[in-house]
Amino acid sequence: MRFQYRYFGHSGAQHTADSTALQFAPDTLRAPVHFVADVNRHLPFREGMSALHDVVVGDLRFQPRDKSAYLEWLAGQESELLAQFMARSDSLKAQMAPIREELGELRKRKQAVLQPFMGAQKRYFDHIYKVNREAWFVLDPVITVHPDRVFFECFSQDESSYGMFSCSHEAFDRVSDHAFGTTNVDYSESLYDEFQKIRDYKATRLAIDPGGFQVQSDNDPAFHEPKIDVPDSWVRGFLQVSSATLLPAQRLQLHPMDIHNICLVLRRRKERVGPRSLRFILRPGQPVRILFEPWGHELVCPRSTHSATSDTDIRVWGRRRLLQLERLVPVAQGFTVHLLGTGMPSFWVAQLPDMEFTLGLSGWTANDWSRNSHFELLQPRHTVDQDSQLRVFAALGERWRATTAELAAATGLSTLTVDAALGGYVQAGRVVYDLAHGVWRLRELSREPLPMDQLRYASPEEEAAAALVQARRIANVKTQARADGGLALSGKCKGASGEREYLVGLQLDTDQRVASGDCQCSHFVRHRMTKGPCEHMLALRLAATPDMQGMLDMAGAATKTTTDQERTARIG
């Protein structure tokens, strides 16, 4: 899909002996969003923006060895090798000598002719990397101005890391001009270099320039309009991050020195063989222990705490992406880590003075957020009518930020309905969940509504599940209430070919999220739940929706009756 921007000028910075002015050029095609204020937390702001840049340029995908020179040489030698193989007499060798000399001379002339072109091409790509980063990176950072915070969001080049840098209004002085909303900002490589010049002794002014909205002529030469073809994977990845933040996780509190020690071990050692993972060893009443594989080096974090109530081991991969947090260690007050499970994503939240930096990592580097991650499928699949959806969105629009309980109280809907409605808006790119503060926030990812017909099925499994339900291949569906308030689903599902029948089971927690599952298909045997539920689990969930809704309605009626009786007793 194509995204179009119109920036009035370019973002930049101006430095004097005692001040620094950072000027961001917003997208003038979007609703006016601007913010002008003085930064009072200079070093944390500088390090947070620098860490955001490290996420943007991050690309840890495997880079194969460049064999172009060897292949070129081999292609050049092919004729000679073949001739030598076919040569049978001295006369043929004598004939080859002048031809070889002539061919060598032609190759030298070819290299001399192409050398200026190859040099110019290299200089061109070096130039656009510095001054026109849109040609290298998929999408400019997204900035959102809210009544309480200003936050930047970005995605890494390999689409495996997500970064959010959030600043409270307390981090600014003399907020003189602001308009709430979301926009894209022009962010160049040279601007990153200017961030490095921020100092404590110099006043720093942040301006998301509102001037671009006051220009009348669209043909003004100061405008530049980049048009970027954004792959669907980028958009899906952004949406998957928001879905993953809603999943239950083990929470760890780490000291900044613990992050420093993790980075120190990774800097000092280079793994040659697998497994290349971090194993978090969580024992109730004991500090967090981290095992570095394959070296067997164990790091004990004595000042850490965690939420595990039983012995738990969680392994995460793609650990070298944690080096993006290295710059935040000197200015961070602490780190909160959210571990979704072995092979699942993790979120690392750095608490800075009046600021937070959130780093979201996919299960491993090669598994980006969009390719094999379908975390929205683990969310509650509660049907919400359009009127309820609009009421929830309107209530959030009035507040800009709110918890589920606050929106439920404002709309008179159940928390399950509110969560399901907001989950739909998350997948539409209109709402984001703030993991650091546990609130929903209004955030329009794009100027125009996302083409949900293209993004309707985020995975082949979801599309196949809908086809299975439509073909009525689900049988013996049973829904049972669990002691902890969740639901247990079971049934039989025939495959798409109809030749084999699978026994399928699902365990849902009290919020109707998938807690665990079981299936006999190859997808589940190979990947378990690391790539989301299989098509048979999803089909079972869809087929059991009416029974689930009936049980939920009965439970809600029982709760309401009990509440009414308690209220009557208190009044009496």
Protein backbone atom coordinates (compact mmCIF):
# COMPACT_ATOMS: atom_id res chain seq x y z
CA MET A 1 0.00 0.00 0.00
CA ARG A 2 1.17 3.55 -0.68
CA PHE A 3 1.59 6.32 1.90
CA GLN A 4 1.86 9.92 0.80
CA TYR A 5 3.29 12.79 2.88
CA ARG A 6 3.71 16.50 2.35
CA TYR A 7 6.30 18.21 4.51
CA PHE A 8 6.82 21.97 4.57
CA GLY A 9 10.59 22.09 4.52
CA HIS A 10 12.79 19.62 6.38
CA SER A 11 13.34 18.89 10.04
CA GLY A 12 16.51 20.43 11.40
CA ALA A 13 18.31 22.00 14.35
CA GLN A 14 19.87 25.35 15.13
CA HIS A 15 22.66 25.70 17.68
CA THR A 16 24.02 28.74 19.48
CA ALA A 17 26.41 29.04 22.38
CA ASP A 18 23.62 28.71 24.94
CA SER A 19 20.65 27.09 23.15
CA THR A 20 19.52 24.36 20.78
CA ALA A 21 16.31 24.50 18.75
CA LEU A 22 14.94 21.25 17.33
CA GLN A 23 12.45 21.84 14.52
CA PHE A 24 10.31 18.92 13.29
CA ALA A 25 8.40 19.26 10.01
CA PRO A 26 5.03 17.46 10.35
CA ASP A 27 2.92 16.01 7.57
CA THR A 28 0.72 18.86 6.34
CA LEU A 29 -1.77 16.44 4.76
CA ARG A 30 -2.90 15.32 8.21
CA ALA A 31 -4.94 17.19 10.79
CA PRO A 32 -2.94 19.97 12.48
CA VAL A 33 -0.71 18.54 15.24
CA HIS A 34 1.94 20.72 16.79
CA PHE A 35 3.82 21.11 20.03
CA VAL A 36 6.28 23.82 21.07
CA ALA A 37 8.05 23.72 24.44
CA ASP A 38 11.42 23.80 26.17
CA VAL A 39 13.01 20.52 27.23
CA ASN A 40 14.00 20.46 30.90
CA ARG A 41 15.40 16.91 30.92
CA HIS A 42 18.18 17.34 28.39
CA LEU A 43 20.29 14.20 28.73
CA PRO A 44 17.42 11.68 29.13
CA PHE A 45 15.70 13.27 26.12
CA ARG A 46 18.88 13.05 24.05
CA GLU A 47 19.52 9.43 24.98
CA GLY A 48 15.89 8.44 24.42
CA MET A 49 15.80 9.94 20.94
CA SER A 50 19.17 8.36 20.15
CA ALA A 51 17.92 4.95 21.27
CA LEU A 52 14.88 5.46 19.04
CA HIS A 53 17.24 6.05 16.13
CA ASP A 54 19.12 2.85 16.95
CA VAL A 55 15.83 0.97 16.67
CA VAL A 56 15.01 2.59 13.31
CA VAL A 57 18.33 1.65 11.71
CA GLY A 58 18.50 -1.78 13.38
CA ASP A 59 18.89 -4.66 10.93
CA LEU A 60 20.25 -7.91 12.35
CA ARG A 61 19.09 -10.11 9.52
CA PHE A 62 21.68 -12.57 8.20
CA GLN A 63 23.83 -10.97 5.55
CA PRO A 64 25.33 -13.63 3.25
CA ARG A 65 28.92 -13.27 2.11
CA ASP A 66 29.30 -11.22 -1.04
CA LYS A 67 30.38 -13.63 -3.78
CA SER A 68 29.79 -11.30 -6.70
CA ALA A 69 33.53 -10.80 -7.33
CA TYR A 70 34.19 -14.53 -7.29
CA LEU A 71 31.26 -15.26 -9.59
CA GLU A 72 32.41 -12.51 -11.93
CA TRP A 73 35.90 -14.02 -12.00
CA LEU A 74 34.49 -17.51 -12.55
CA ALA A 75 32.34 -16.27 -15.40
CA GLY A 76 35.37 -14.63 -16.93
CA GLN A 77 37.43 -17.80 -16.58
CA GLU A 78 34.75 -20.13 -17.89
CA SER A 79 35.75 -19.80 -21.51
CA GLU A 80 39.41 -20.27 -20.68
CA LEU A 81 38.78 -23.33 -18.54
CA LEU A 82 36.62 -24.86 -21.20
CA ALA A 83 39.23 -24.16 -23.85
CA GLN A 84 41.95 -25.71 -21.73
CA PHE A 85 39.81 -28.76 -21.17
CA MET A 86 39.16 -29.14 -24.87
CA ALA A 87 42.73 -28.41 -25.90
CA ARG A 88 44.44 -31.42 -27.33
CA SER A 89 47.45 -30.05 -29.13
CA ASP A 90 50.15 -27.41 -28.85
CA SER A 91 48.81 -25.66 -31.92
CA LEU A 92 45.50 -24.95 -30.20
CA LYS A 93 47.32 -23.58 -27.16
CA ALA A 94 49.38 -21.34 -29.40
CA GLN A 95 46.16 -20.01 -30.95
CA MET A 96 44.68 -19.33 -27.53
CA ALA A 97 47.56 -17.12 -26.37
CA PRO A 98 46.85 -14.04 -28.53
CA ILE A 99 43.11 -14.43 -27.93
CA ARG A 100 43.69 -14.49 -24.18
CA GLU A 101 45.81 -11.37 -24.39
CA GLU A 102 43.15 -9.60 -26.44
CA LEU A 103 40.41 -10.66 -24.00
CA GLY A 104 42.45 -9.41 -21.05
CA GLU A 105 42.93 -6.06 -22.76
CA LEU A 106 39.19 -5.79 -23.42
CA ARG A 107 38.43 -6.48 -19.75
CA LYS A 108 40.82 -3.75 -18.64
CA ARG A 109 39.16 -1.29 -21.00
CA LYS A 110 35.72 -2.35 -19.73
CA GLN A 111 36.76 -1.80 -16.13
CA ALA A 112 38.19 1.61 -16.95
CA VAL A 113 34.98 2.63 -18.71
CA LEU A 114 32.68 1.44 -15.88
CA GLN A 115 34.78 2.71 -12.98
CA PRO A 116 33.37 6.29 -13.01
CA PHE A 117 29.83 4.90 -13.14
CA MET A 118 30.37 2.52 -10.23
CA GLY A 119 31.98 5.28 -8.16
CA ALA A 120 29.14 7.70 -8.90
CA GLN A 121 26.57 5.05 -7.99
CA LYS A 122 28.25 4.43 -4.63
CA ARG A 123 28.44 8.16 -3.88
CA TYR A 124 24.75 8.53 -4.79
CA PHE A 125 23.60 5.83 -2.38
CA ASP A 126 25.84 7.26 0.35
CA HIS A 127 24.26 10.65 -0.28
CA ILE A 128 20.62 9.57 -0.10
CA TYR A 129 21.37 7.56 3.04
CA LYS A 130 22.33 10.80 4.79
CA VAL A 131 19.92 13.38 3.32
CA ASN A 132 16.91 11.38 2.10
CA ARG A 133 16.38 8.58 4.57
CA GLU A 134 12.91 7.84 3.17
CA ALA A 135 14.64 6.05 0.30
CA TRP A 136 16.22 3.66 2.79
CA PHE A 137 13.73 3.30 5.60
CA VAL A 138 10.13 2.34 5.06
CA LEU A 139 8.23 4.94 7.06
CA ASP A 140 9.00 8.08 9.05
CA PRO A 141 8.49 7.93 12.82
CA VAL A 142 4.96 8.53 14.08
CA ILE A 143 4.54 11.24 16.71
CA THR A 144 1.46 11.68 18.89
CA VAL A 145 0.63 14.67 21.09
CA HIS A 146 -1.75 13.92 23.98
CA PRO A 147 -2.93 16.12 26.86
CA ASP A 148 -0.46 14.38 29.20
CA ARG A 149 2.32 13.03 26.95
CA VAL A 150 4.18 13.31 23.66
CA PHE A 151 5.41 10.02 22.24
CA PHE A 152 7.32 8.84 19.20
CA GLU A 153 6.90 5.38 17.63
CA CYS A 154 9.07 3.60 15.08
CA PHE A 155 9.89 0.21 13.58
CA SER A 156 13.30 -1.28 12.83
CA GLN A 157 14.51 -1.88 9.31
CA ASP A 158 14.26 -5.67 9.72
CA GLU A 159 10.77 -5.26 11.28
CA SER A 160 11.71 -7.24 14.38
CA SER A 161 12.04 -4.35 16.87
CA TYR A 162 9.52 -1.69 17.90
CA GLY A 163 10.39 1.47 19.80
CA MET A 164 8.26 4.00 21.64
CA PHE A 165 9.76 7.03 23.35
CA SER A 166 7.17 8.71 25.60
CA CYS A 167 7.69 12.08 27.31
CA SER A 168 5.43 13.51 30.00
CA HIS A 169 4.52 17.19 29.74
CA GLU A 170 6.43 17.53 33.02
CA ALA A 171 9.61 17.05 30.97
CA PHE A 172 8.93 20.39 29.22
CA ASP A 173 8.80 24.02 30.32
CA ARG A 174 6.84 26.87 28.76
CA VAL A 175 4.52 24.79 26.60
CA SER A 176 3.39 27.62 24.37
CA ASP A 177 1.60 26.02 21.45
CA HIS A 178 0.10 22.59 21.01
CA ALA A 179 -2.67 20.71 19.19
CA PHE A 180 -3.48 17.11 20.03
CA GLY A 181 -3.37 14.29 17.48
CA THR A 182 -1.02 12.05 15.50
CA THR A 183 1.18 12.83 12.52
CA ASN A 184 4.33 11.73 10.75
CA VAL A 185 7.45 13.86 11.04
CA ASP A 186 10.35 14.33 8.66
CA TYR A 187 13.30 12.65 10.39
CA SER A 188 16.63 12.56 8.59
CA GLU A 189 20.00 11.03 9.42
CA SER A 190 21.51 14.49 9.84
CA LEU A 191 18.92 15.30 12.52
CA TYR A 192 20.23 12.39 14.60
CA ASP A 193 23.68 13.96 14.49
CA GLU A 194 22.18 17.19 15.81
CA PHE A 195 20.64 15.35 18.77
CA GLN A 196 24.13 14.42 19.90
CA LYS A 197 24.90 18.11 20.49
CA ILE A 198 22.26 18.52 23.21
CA ARG A 199 23.88 19.50 26.52
CA ASP A 200 22.63 20.24 30.03
CA TYR A 201 24.03 23.78 30.01
CA LYS A 202 22.21 24.72 26.79
CA ALA A 203 18.50 25.46 26.58
CA THR A 204 16.77 22.99 24.23
CA ARG A 205 13.51 23.85 22.51
CA LEU A 206 11.39 21.20 20.81
CA ALA A 207 9.07 22.44 18.07
CA ILE A 208 6.80 20.28 15.97
CA ASP A 209 6.44 23.18 13.60
CA PRO A 210 2.88 24.47 13.12
CA GLY A 211 4.04 26.84 10.37
CA GLY A 212 3.45 24.28 7.67
CA PHE A 213 -0.27 24.45 8.31
CA GLN A 214 -0.42 28.18 7.64
CA VAL A 215 0.99 28.06 4.12
CA GLN A 216 -1.63 28.73 1.46
CA SER A 217 0.15 27.71 -1.75
CA ASP A 218 0.43 23.98 -2.31
CA ASN A 219 2.94 24.66 -5.08
CA ASP A 220 5.38 26.36 -2.73
CA PRO A 221 8.87 25.01 -3.56
CA ALA A 222 9.42 24.47 0.18
CA PHE A 223 7.02 21.54 0.07
CA HIS A 224 8.32 18.07 -0.69
CA GLU A 225 5.98 15.14 -1.14
CA PRO A 226 7.53 11.71 -0.74
CA LYS A 227 5.34 8.80 -1.83
CA ILE A 228 6.39 5.55 -0.21
CA ASP A 229 5.17 2.09 -1.11
CA VAL A 230 4.81 0.46 2.29
CA PRO A 231 4.62 -3.34 2.37
CA ASP A 232 1.66 -4.87 4.16
CA SER A 233 4.13 -6.55 6.52
CA TRP A 234 5.10 -3.16 8.00
CA VAL A 235 1.49 -2.25 8.75
CA ARG A 236 0.66 -5.71 10.10
CA GLY A 237 3.77 -5.62 12.25
CA PHE A 238 2.74 -2.33 13.83
CA LEU A 239 -0.69 -3.78 14.57
CA GLN A 240 0.77 -7.01 15.96
CA VAL A 241 2.84 -5.07 18.50
CA SER A 242 -0.29 -3.49 19.95
CA SER A 243 -2.00 -6.89 20.08
CA ALA A 244 0.96 -8.48 21.85
CA THR A 245 0.99 -5.83 24.59
CA LEU A 246 -2.47 -7.02 25.68
CA LEU A 247 -1.36 -10.60 26.39
CA PRO A 248 -0.62 -11.81 29.94
CA ALA A 249 3.08 -11.82 30.80
CA GLN A 250 5.59 -12.37 33.58
CA ARG A 251 6.80 -9.01 34.88
CA LEU A 252 10.36 -8.43 36.04
CA GLN A 253 11.86 -5.36 37.66
CA LEU A 254 15.55 -4.98 36.80
CA HIS A 255 18.10 -2.48 38.01
CA PRO A 256 19.95 -0.46 35.32
CA MET A 257 23.15 -2.28 36.27
CA ASP A 258 21.46 -5.57 35.39
CA ILE A 259 20.89 -4.29 31.84
CA HIS A 260 24.49 -3.06 31.81
CA ASN A 261 25.74 -6.51 32.81
CA ILE A 262 23.64 -8.18 30.10
CA CYS A 263 25.09 -5.85 27.46
CA LEU A 264 28.59 -6.35 28.89
CA VAL A 265 28.39 -10.14 28.52
CA LEU A 266 27.08 -9.80 24.96
CA ARG A 267 29.86 -7.33 24.08
CA ARG A 268 32.62 -9.52 25.47
CA ARG A 269 31.50 -12.82 23.94
CA LYS A 270 30.66 -13.99 20.45
CA GLU A 271 28.56 -17.12 20.04
CA ARG A 272 29.77 -19.61 17.46
CA VAL A 273 27.14 -22.30 17.91
CA GLY A 274 23.58 -22.47 19.23
CA PRO A 275 21.48 -22.18 21.25
CA ARG A 276 21.81 -18.39 21.34
CA SER A 277 19.23 -17.60 23.98
CA LEU A 278 18.73 -15.90 27.34
CA ARG A 279 17.14 -18.21 29.87
CA PHE A 280 15.31 -16.36 32.66
CA ILE A 281 15.17 -18.56 35.75
CA LEU A 282 12.37 -17.35 38.03
CA ARG A 283 11.91 -18.87 41.49
CA PRO A 284 9.43 -17.48 44.05
CA GLY A 285 11.19 -15.44 46.73
CA GLN A 286 14.52 -15.45 44.84
CA PRO A 287 16.13 -12.84 42.58
CA VAL A 288 16.08 -13.21 38.83
CA ARG A 289 18.81 -15.39 37.35
CA ILE A 290 19.75 -15.14 33.67
CA LEU A 291 21.61 -17.95 31.91
CA PHE A 292 23.49 -17.10 28.72
CA GLU A 293 23.48 -20.01 26.30
CA PRO A 294 25.57 -21.70 24.92
CA TRP A 295 28.32 -20.46 27.25
CA GLY A 296 26.53 -21.46 30.45
CA HIS A 297 27.35 -18.08 32.02
CA GLU A 298 24.85 -17.19 34.77
CA LEU A 299 24.04 -13.65 35.84
CA VAL A 300 22.30 -13.09 39.18
CA CYS A 301 20.30 -9.87 39.57
CA PRO A 302 20.16 -9.37 43.39
CA ARG A 303 18.12 -6.14 43.23
CA SER A 304 15.48 -7.58 40.91
CA THR A 305 11.90 -8.70 41.58
CA HIS A 306 9.46 -10.76 39.52
CA SER A 307 5.81 -11.84 39.49
CA ALA A 308 6.27 -15.62 39.12
CA THR A 309 4.31 -17.64 41.71
CA SER A 310 5.89 -20.97 40.72
CA ASP A 311 9.16 -22.20 39.26
CA THR A 312 9.32 -20.77 35.75
CA ASP A 313 11.96 -20.84 33.01
CA ILE A 314 11.52 -18.57 29.98
CA ARG A 315 13.89 -18.45 27.03
CA VAL A 316 14.13 -15.51 24.63
CA TRP A 317 16.18 -15.20 21.44
CA GLY A 318 17.49 -12.31 19.38
CA ARG A 319 19.29 -11.02 22.47
CA ARG A 320 21.76 -8.75 20.67
CA ARG A 321 18.90 -6.36 19.97
CA LEU A 322 19.08 -5.50 23.68
CA LEU A 323 22.21 -3.49 22.90
CA GLN A 324 19.80 -0.81 21.68
CA LEU A 325 19.09 -0.13 25.39
CA GLU A 326 22.75 0.39 26.23
CA ARG A 327 22.65 4.18 25.93
CA LEU A 328 19.75 4.39 28.38
CA VAL A 329 21.56 2.69 31.28
CA PRO A 330 23.24 5.87 32.70
CA VAL A 331 19.98 7.87 32.72
CA ALA A 332 17.44 5.12 33.52
CA GLN A 333 15.89 4.72 36.96
CA GLY A 334 14.86 1.10 36.35
CA PHE A 335 13.64 -1.38 33.75
CA THR A 336 10.38 -3.34 33.64
CA VAL A 337 10.51 -6.48 31.50
CA HIS A 338 7.36 -8.19 30.20
CA LEU A 339 8.03 -11.79 29.11
CA LEU A 340 5.15 -13.38 27.19
CA GLY A 341 6.74 -16.85 27.22
CA THR A 342 9.42 -19.00 25.63
CA GLY A 343 9.89 -18.05 21.99
CA MET A 344 7.33 -15.27 22.40
CA PRO A 345 7.87 -11.50 22.22
CA SER A 346 9.21 -9.46 25.11
CA PHE A 347 8.86 -5.80 26.07
CA TRP A 348 11.56 -3.84 27.87
CA VAL A 349 10.39 -0.57 29.43
CA ALA A 350 13.05 1.87 30.62
CA GLN A 351 11.88 4.38 33.24
CA LEU A 352 13.59 7.73 32.70
CA PRO A 353 12.88 10.96 34.59
CA ASP A 354 9.36 11.91 33.37
CA MET A 355 9.93 9.69 30.32
CA GLU A 356 9.66 6.04 29.27
CA PHE A 357 11.28 4.12 26.47
CA THR A 358 9.60 0.87 25.38
CA LEU A 359 11.48 -1.65 23.26
CA GLY A 360 9.35 -4.47 21.83
CA LEU A 361 11.22 -7.49 20.48
CA SER A 362 9.71 -10.27 18.38
CA GLY A 363 10.34 -13.90 19.36
CA TRP A 364 13.65 -13.91 17.51
CA THR A 365 15.35 -11.69 14.96
CA ALA A 366 14.48 -13.69 11.84
CA ASN A 367 10.83 -13.93 12.94
CA ASP A 368 9.62 -10.38 12.38
CA TRP A 369 6.40 -9.03 13.90
CA SER A 370 4.27 -9.70 10.82
CA ARG A 371 5.51 -12.90 9.20
CA ASN A 372 4.61 -15.55 11.77
CA SER A 373 3.12 -13.56 14.66
CA HIS A 374 -0.66 -13.57 14.99
CA PHE A 375 -1.23 -12.36 18.51
CA GLU A 376 -4.57 -10.74 17.76
CA LEU A 377 -5.88 -14.31 17.39
CA LEU A 378 -5.20 -14.86 21.10
CA GLN A 379 -7.40 -11.93 22.08
CA PRO A 380 -11.07 -12.19 23.11
CA ARG A 381 -13.25 -12.95 20.07
CA HIS A 382 -16.36 -11.33 21.50
CA THR A 383 -18.88 -10.03 18.96
CA VAL A 384 -19.52 -6.30 19.39
CA ASP A 385 -22.23 -4.41 17.54
CA GLN A 386 -21.36 -1.25 15.67
CA ASP A 387 -23.22 1.03 18.09
CA SER A 388 -21.17 -0.25 21.04
CA GLN A 389 -17.97 0.15 19.07
CA LEU A 390 -18.78 3.77 18.25
CA ARG A 391 -19.71 4.51 21.88
CA VAL A 392 -16.40 3.10 23.13
CA PHE A 393 -14.40 5.02 20.52
CA ALA A 394 -16.27 8.25 21.26
CA ALA A 395 -15.65 7.86 24.99
CA LEU A 396 -11.93 7.34 24.36
CA GLY A 397 -11.88 10.29 21.95
CA GLU A 398 -13.20 12.59 24.66
CA ARG A 399 -10.48 11.51 27.11
CA TRP A 400 -7.58 10.70 24.72
CA ARG A 401 -6.44 8.10 27.29
CA ALA A 402 -8.43 5.79 29.58
CA THR A 403 -8.43 2.39 31.24
CA THR A 404 -10.90 -0.35 30.39
CA ALA A 405 -12.74 0.21 33.67
CA GLU A 406 -13.10 3.95 32.99
CA LEU A 407 -14.51 3.35 29.51
CA ALA A 408 -16.87 0.65 30.83
CA ALA A 409 -18.19 3.09 33.43
CA ALA A 410 -18.59 5.86 30.86
CA THR A 411 -20.42 3.72 28.29
CA GLY A 412 -22.33 1.35 30.57
CA LEU A 413 -20.88 -1.65 28.73
CA SER A 414 -19.11 -4.64 30.20
CA THR A 415 -15.33 -4.68 30.37
CA LEU A 416 -15.30 -7.68 28.01
CA THR A 417 -17.25 -5.71 25.39
CA VAL A 418 -14.96 -2.69 25.81
CA ASP A 419 -11.83 -4.81 25.43
CA ALA A 420 -13.21 -6.54 22.34
CA ALA A 421 -14.20 -3.20 20.77
CA LEU A 422 -10.82 -1.65 21.47
CA GLY A 423 -9.10 -4.76 20.14
CA GLY A 424 -10.85 -4.16 16.84
CA TYR A 425 -9.68 -0.53 16.78
CA VAL A 426 -6.15 -1.69 17.59
CA GLN A 427 -6.24 -3.90 14.50
CA ALA A 428 -7.53 -0.91 12.50
CA GLY A 429 -4.56 1.18 13.64
CA ARG A 430 -6.69 3.76 15.46
CA VAL A 431 -5.93 2.86 19.08
CA VAL A 432 -2.73 1.84 20.86
CA TYR A 433 -2.20 0.30 24.28
CA ASP A 434 0.32 2.13 26.47
CA LEU A 435 2.10 -0.72 28.24
CA ALA A 436 4.08 1.55 30.56
CA HIS A 437 0.93 3.13 32.04
CA GLY A 438 -1.70 0.46 31.40
CA VAL A 439 -4.08 2.74 29.47
CA TRP A 440 -5.61 2.88 26.00
CA ARG A 441 -4.63 5.84 23.85
CA LEU A 442 -6.12 7.33 20.72
CA ARG A 443 -3.57 7.07 17.88
CA GLU A 444 -4.39 7.16 14.16
CA LEU A 445 -1.58 5.26 12.46
CA SER A 446 -2.35 6.67 9.02
CA ARG A 447 -4.12 9.68 7.59
CA GLU A 448 -6.63 7.55 5.68
CA PRO A 449 -8.34 4.42 7.05
CA LEU A 450 -6.26 1.31 6.56
CA PRO A 451 -7.52 -1.04 3.83
CA MET A 452 -8.90 -3.65 6.19
CA ASP A 453 -10.06 -5.77 3.24
CA GLN A 454 -6.38 -6.39 2.53
CA LEU A 455 -5.62 -6.89 6.22
CA ARG A 456 -8.80 -8.79 7.11
CA TYR A 457 -7.02 -12.09 7.53
CA ALA A 458 -3.73 -11.49 9.25
CA SER A 459 -2.64 -15.08 8.65
CA PRO A 460 -3.44 -18.05 6.41
CA GLU A 461 -4.53 -19.89 9.57
CA GLU A 462 -7.32 -17.40 10.29
CA GLU A 463 -8.59 -17.54 6.71
CA ALA A 464 -8.47 -21.35 6.75
CA ALA A 465 -10.35 -21.42 10.08
CA ALA A 466 -13.18 -19.33 8.63
CA ALA A 467 -13.37 -21.73 5.68
CA LEU A 468 -13.50 -24.75 8.03
CA VAL A 469 -16.40 -23.27 9.99
CA GLN A 470 -18.25 -22.36 6.84
CA ALA A 471 -17.79 -25.93 5.53
CA ARG A 472 -19.09 -27.28 8.88
CA ARG A 473 -16.06 -29.43 9.57
CA ILE A 474 -16.24 -28.85 13.35
CA ALA A 475 -18.10 -31.51 15.39
CA ASN A 476 -18.68 -32.50 19.03
CA VAL A 477 -18.01 -29.00 20.32
CA LYS A 478 -18.10 -28.86 24.11
CA THR A 479 -17.77 -25.82 26.35
CA GLN A 480 -17.09 -26.19 30.06
CA ALA A 481 -16.49 -23.65 32.80
CA ARG A 482 -13.21 -23.91 34.67
CA ALA A 483 -12.73 -23.42 38.39
CA ASP A 484 -10.68 -20.27 37.84
CA GLY A 485 -13.48 -18.60 35.83
CA GLY A 486 -12.14 -19.47 32.39
CA LEU A 487 -13.53 -21.81 29.75
CA ALA A 488 -12.36 -25.14 28.36
CA LEU A 489 -13.24 -25.91 24.73
CA SER A 490 -12.94 -29.27 23.02
CA GLY A 491 -14.06 -30.79 19.76
CA LYS A 492 -13.13 -32.59 16.58
CA CYS A 493 -12.09 -30.91 13.36
CA LYS A 494 -11.61 -32.40 9.92
CA GLY A 495 -8.81 -31.00 7.82
CA ALA A 496 -9.34 -29.05 4.63
CA SER A 497 -9.07 -32.25 2.58
CA GLY A 498 -11.57 -34.00 4.86
CA GLU A 499 -9.43 -37.13 5.13
CA ARG A 500 -8.10 -36.75 8.69
CA GLU A 501 -9.86 -35.74 11.88
CA TYR A 502 -8.03 -33.92 14.70
CA LEU A 503 -8.83 -33.75 18.40
CA VAL A 504 -8.64 -30.09 19.40
CA GLY A 505 -8.68 -28.39 22.82
CA LEU A 506 -8.46 -24.79 23.98
CA GLN A 507 -8.14 -23.20 27.41
CA LEU A 508 -9.41 -19.61 27.76
CA ASP A 509 -8.74 -17.42 30.78
CA THR A 510 -11.28 -15.17 32.49
CA ASP A 511 -10.71 -12.46 29.86
CA GLN A 512 -11.42 -14.94 27.02
CA ARG A 513 -7.79 -14.92 25.93
CA VAL A 514 -6.12 -18.15 24.81
CA ALA A 515 -4.11 -19.48 27.74
CA SER A 516 -3.09 -22.78 26.15
CA GLY A 517 -4.19 -25.24 23.51
CA ASP A 518 -3.64 -28.67 22.06
CA CYS A 519 -4.02 -30.17 18.59
CA GLN A 520 -2.73 -33.15 16.62
CA CYS A 521 -1.88 -31.24 13.45
CA SER A 522 1.68 -30.70 12.19
CA HIS A 523 1.51 -26.92 12.73
CA PHE A 524 0.99 -27.32 16.47
CA VAL A 525 3.48 -30.20 16.78
CA ARG A 526 6.23 -28.12 15.13
CA HIS A 527 5.59 -24.69 16.60
CA ARG A 528 3.35 -25.20 19.63
CA MET A 529 1.92 -21.72 20.38
CA THR A 530 4.96 -19.64 19.40
CA LYS A 531 3.35 -18.74 16.05
CA GLY A 532 -0.17 -18.45 17.35
CA PRO A 533 -2.96 -21.05 17.40
CA CYS A 534 -3.43 -23.34 14.43
CA GLU A 535 -6.39 -23.16 12.05
CA HIS A 536 -8.20 -26.00 13.87
CA MET A 537 -8.02 -24.18 17.24
CA LEU A 538 -9.33 -21.01 15.64
CA ALA A 539 -12.13 -22.92 13.96
CA LEU A 540 -13.07 -24.53 17.30
CA ARG A 541 -13.19 -21.12 18.94
CA LEU A 542 -15.41 -19.71 16.20
CA ALA A 543 -17.75 -22.69 16.33
CA ALA A 544 -18.03 -22.47 20.13
CA THR A 545 -18.80 -18.73 20.15
CA PRO A 546 -22.61 -19.13 20.62
CA ASP A 547 -22.18 -21.50 23.59
CA MET A 548 -19.51 -19.25 25.08
CA GLN A 549 -21.76 -16.21 24.75
CA GLY A 550 -24.62 -18.07 26.45
CA MET A 551 -22.44 -19.06 29.39
CA LEU A 552 -21.12 -15.51 29.70
CA ASP A 553 -24.66 -14.11 29.67
CA MET A 554 -25.70 -16.56 32.40
CA ALA A 555 -22.66 -15.65 34.48
CA GLY A 556 -23.38 -11.96 34.00
CA ALA A 557 -27.01 -12.42 35.04
CA ALA A 558 -25.95 -14.37 38.14
CA THR A 559 -23.45 -11.68 39.05
CA LYS A 560 -26.06 -8.96 38.56
CA THR A 561 -28.57 -10.83 40.78
CA THR A 562 -25.97 -11.27 43.50
CA THR A 563 -25.00 -7.62 43.30
CA ASP A 564 -28.65 -6.53 43.54
CA GLN A 565 -29.18 -8.77 46.58
CA GLU A 566 -26.07 -7.37 48.27
CA ARG A 567 -27.19 -3.82 47.54
CA THR A 568 -30.65 -4.55 48.98
CA ALA A 569 -29.10 -6.06 52.08
CA ARG A 570 -26.91 -3.00 52.60
CA ILE A 571 -29.86 -0.64 52.14
CA GLY A 572 -31.98 -2.67 54.54
